[in-house]
N, C-alpha and C. Protein backbone atom coordinates (compact mmCIF):
# COMPACT_ATOMS: atom_id res chain seq x y z
N UNK A 1 120.87 -36.63 147.60
CA UNK A 1 120.25 -36.93 146.17
C UNK A 1 119.88 -38.62 146.44
N UNK A 2 120.97 -39.01 146.89
CA UNK A 2 121.36 -40.52 146.99
C UNK A 2 119.68 -40.61 148.07
N UNK A 3 119.48 -39.98 149.19
CA UNK A 3 118.87 -39.95 150.29
C UNK A 3 117.44 -40.01 149.62
N UNK A 4 117.10 -38.86 148.34
CA UNK A 4 115.82 -38.82 147.88
C UNK A 4 115.78 -40.05 147.00
N UNK A 5 116.52 -40.55 146.14
CA UNK A 5 116.20 -41.93 145.13
C UNK A 5 116.12 -42.57 146.40
N UNK A 6 116.38 -42.70 147.24
CA UNK A 6 116.17 -44.01 148.23
C UNK A 6 114.55 -44.08 148.44
N UNK A 7 114.14 -42.40 148.95
CA UNK A 7 112.77 -42.41 149.59
C UNK A 7 111.77 -42.64 148.33
N UNK A 8 112.09 -42.33 146.73
CA UNK A 8 110.84 -43.06 145.79
C UNK A 8 111.40 -44.43 145.54
N UNK A 9 112.20 -44.44 145.82
CA UNK A 9 112.46 -46.57 145.60
C UNK A 9 111.21 -46.78 146.72
N UNK A 10 111.72 -46.72 147.85
CA UNK A 10 110.82 -46.94 149.02
C UNK A 10 108.84 -47.07 149.24
N UNK A 11 108.90 -45.43 148.09
CA UNK A 11 107.77 -45.18 147.84
C UNK A 11 107.46 -46.35 147.02
N UNK A 12 107.78 -46.68 146.12
CA UNK A 12 107.46 -47.43 144.71
C UNK A 12 106.89 -48.65 145.26
N UNK A 13 107.68 -49.23 146.04
CA UNK A 13 107.87 -50.68 146.60
C UNK A 13 106.49 -50.67 147.69
N UNK A 14 106.14 -49.44 148.64
CA UNK A 14 105.11 -49.60 149.39
C UNK A 14 103.96 -49.29 148.22
N UNK A 15 103.64 -48.97 147.10
CA UNK A 15 102.72 -48.77 146.15
C UNK A 15 102.57 -49.92 145.82
N UNK A 16 103.62 -50.43 145.37
CA UNK A 16 103.54 -52.08 144.58
C UNK A 16 102.86 -53.14 145.80
N UNK A 17 102.76 -52.97 146.94
CA UNK A 17 102.61 -53.64 147.90
C UNK A 17 100.91 -53.39 148.41
N UNK A 18 100.66 -52.19 148.17
CA UNK A 18 99.39 -51.68 148.26
C UNK A 18 98.42 -52.27 147.18
N UNK A 19 99.18 -52.02 145.99
CA UNK A 19 98.68 -52.76 144.72
C UNK A 19 98.37 -53.81 144.81
N UNK A 20 99.07 -54.82 145.09
CA UNK A 20 99.06 -56.27 145.21
C UNK A 20 98.06 -56.60 146.47
N UNK A 21 97.58 -55.98 147.27
CA UNK A 21 96.85 -56.51 148.23
C UNK A 21 95.45 -55.57 147.89
N UNK A 22 95.19 -54.59 147.25
CA UNK A 22 93.86 -54.19 146.57
C UNK A 22 93.80 -55.41 145.91
N UNK A 23 94.68 -55.54 144.67
CA UNK A 23 94.00 -56.99 143.94
C UNK A 23 93.86 -58.41 144.50
N UNK A 24 94.55 -58.42 145.34
CA UNK A 24 94.17 -59.33 146.09
C UNK A 24 92.71 -59.59 146.60
N UNK A 25 92.87 -58.45 147.43
CA UNK A 25 91.34 -58.06 147.89
C UNK A 25 90.08 -58.62 146.95
N UNK A 26 90.34 -57.83 145.62
CA UNK A 26 89.50 -58.24 144.93
C UNK A 26 89.13 -59.04 144.11
N UNK A 27 90.57 -60.05 144.24
CA UNK A 27 90.12 -61.29 143.33
C UNK A 27 89.31 -62.19 144.68
N UNK A 28 89.65 -61.81 146.22
CA UNK A 28 88.81 -62.86 147.14
C UNK A 28 87.47 -62.43 146.81
N UNK A 29 86.77 -61.03 146.74
CA UNK A 29 85.59 -60.27 146.59
C UNK A 29 84.67 -60.74 145.48
N UNK A 30 86.01 -61.50 144.57
CA UNK A 30 85.08 -61.99 143.30
C UNK A 30 84.72 -63.53 143.41
N UNK A 31 85.75 -64.07 143.99
CA UNK A 31 85.43 -65.38 144.43
C UNK A 31 84.15 -65.72 145.70
N UNK A 32 84.57 -64.80 146.41
CA UNK A 32 83.19 -65.07 147.13
C UNK A 32 81.60 -64.58 146.28
N UNK A 33 81.87 -63.63 145.35
CA UNK A 33 80.36 -63.21 145.01
C UNK A 33 80.39 -64.79 143.59
N UNK A 34 81.27 -65.23 143.02
CA UNK A 34 81.21 -66.33 142.51
C UNK A 34 80.60 -67.76 143.30
N UNK A 35 81.59 -67.47 144.40
CA UNK A 35 80.29 -68.86 144.97
C UNK A 35 79.14 -68.95 145.96
N UNK A 36 79.01 -67.59 146.57
CA UNK A 36 77.82 -67.00 146.44
C UNK A 36 76.44 -67.56 145.32
N UNK A 37 76.92 -66.88 144.29
CA UNK A 37 76.23 -67.42 143.17
C UNK A 37 75.82 -68.84 142.52
N UNK A 38 77.04 -69.72 143.30
CA UNK A 38 76.90 -71.38 142.43
C UNK A 38 75.91 -71.44 144.08
N UNK A 39 76.14 -71.04 145.46
CA UNK A 39 75.11 -71.64 146.14
C UNK A 39 73.73 -71.48 145.95
N UNK A 40 73.36 -70.24 145.30
CA UNK A 40 72.39 -69.85 144.87
C UNK A 40 71.66 -70.72 144.01
N UNK A 41 72.57 -70.91 143.14
CA UNK A 41 72.57 -71.56 141.93
C UNK A 41 71.67 -73.67 142.18
N UNK A 42 72.93 -73.63 143.52
CA UNK A 42 72.39 -75.17 143.81
C UNK A 42 71.51 -75.08 144.69
N UNK A 43 70.70 -74.31 145.78
CA UNK A 43 69.76 -74.13 146.11
C UNK A 43 68.66 -74.28 144.92
N UNK A 44 68.54 -73.68 143.94
CA UNK A 44 67.14 -73.51 142.96
C UNK A 44 67.27 -74.92 142.34
N UNK A 45 68.14 -75.58 141.94
CA UNK A 45 68.52 -77.06 141.46
C UNK A 45 67.79 -77.86 142.39
N UNK A 46 68.24 -77.77 143.83
CA UNK A 46 67.91 -78.43 144.55
C UNK A 46 65.86 -78.20 144.84
N UNK A 47 65.66 -77.26 144.83
CA UNK A 47 64.33 -76.96 145.07
C UNK A 47 63.34 -77.26 144.08
N UNK A 48 64.11 -77.38 142.50
CA UNK A 48 63.27 -78.05 141.26
C UNK A 48 63.65 -79.48 141.33
N UNK A 49 64.27 -80.00 141.65
CA UNK A 49 64.32 -81.35 141.99
C UNK A 49 63.24 -81.79 143.38
N UNK A 50 63.01 -80.91 143.71
CA UNK A 50 62.02 -81.52 145.26
C UNK A 50 60.94 -81.53 144.72
N UNK A 51 60.42 -80.49 143.72
CA UNK A 51 59.29 -80.18 143.24
C UNK A 51 58.89 -81.78 142.44
N UNK A 52 60.01 -81.99 141.56
CA UNK A 52 59.75 -82.75 140.59
C UNK A 52 59.69 -84.10 141.43
N UNK A 53 59.76 -84.42 142.45
CA UNK A 53 59.94 -85.94 143.03
C UNK A 53 58.75 -86.00 144.32
């Protein structure tokens, strides 16, 4: 019985670590997307500025 409990606890820790990794990867992907959006917006603003001058 003790072995089964230890196995279940270990499995739960691994699941928790996998979930944290997934969440961190998702956050990083979101940050990259936002960074790309900001860069695209910056490029558009520079193009408008160039047209205005």
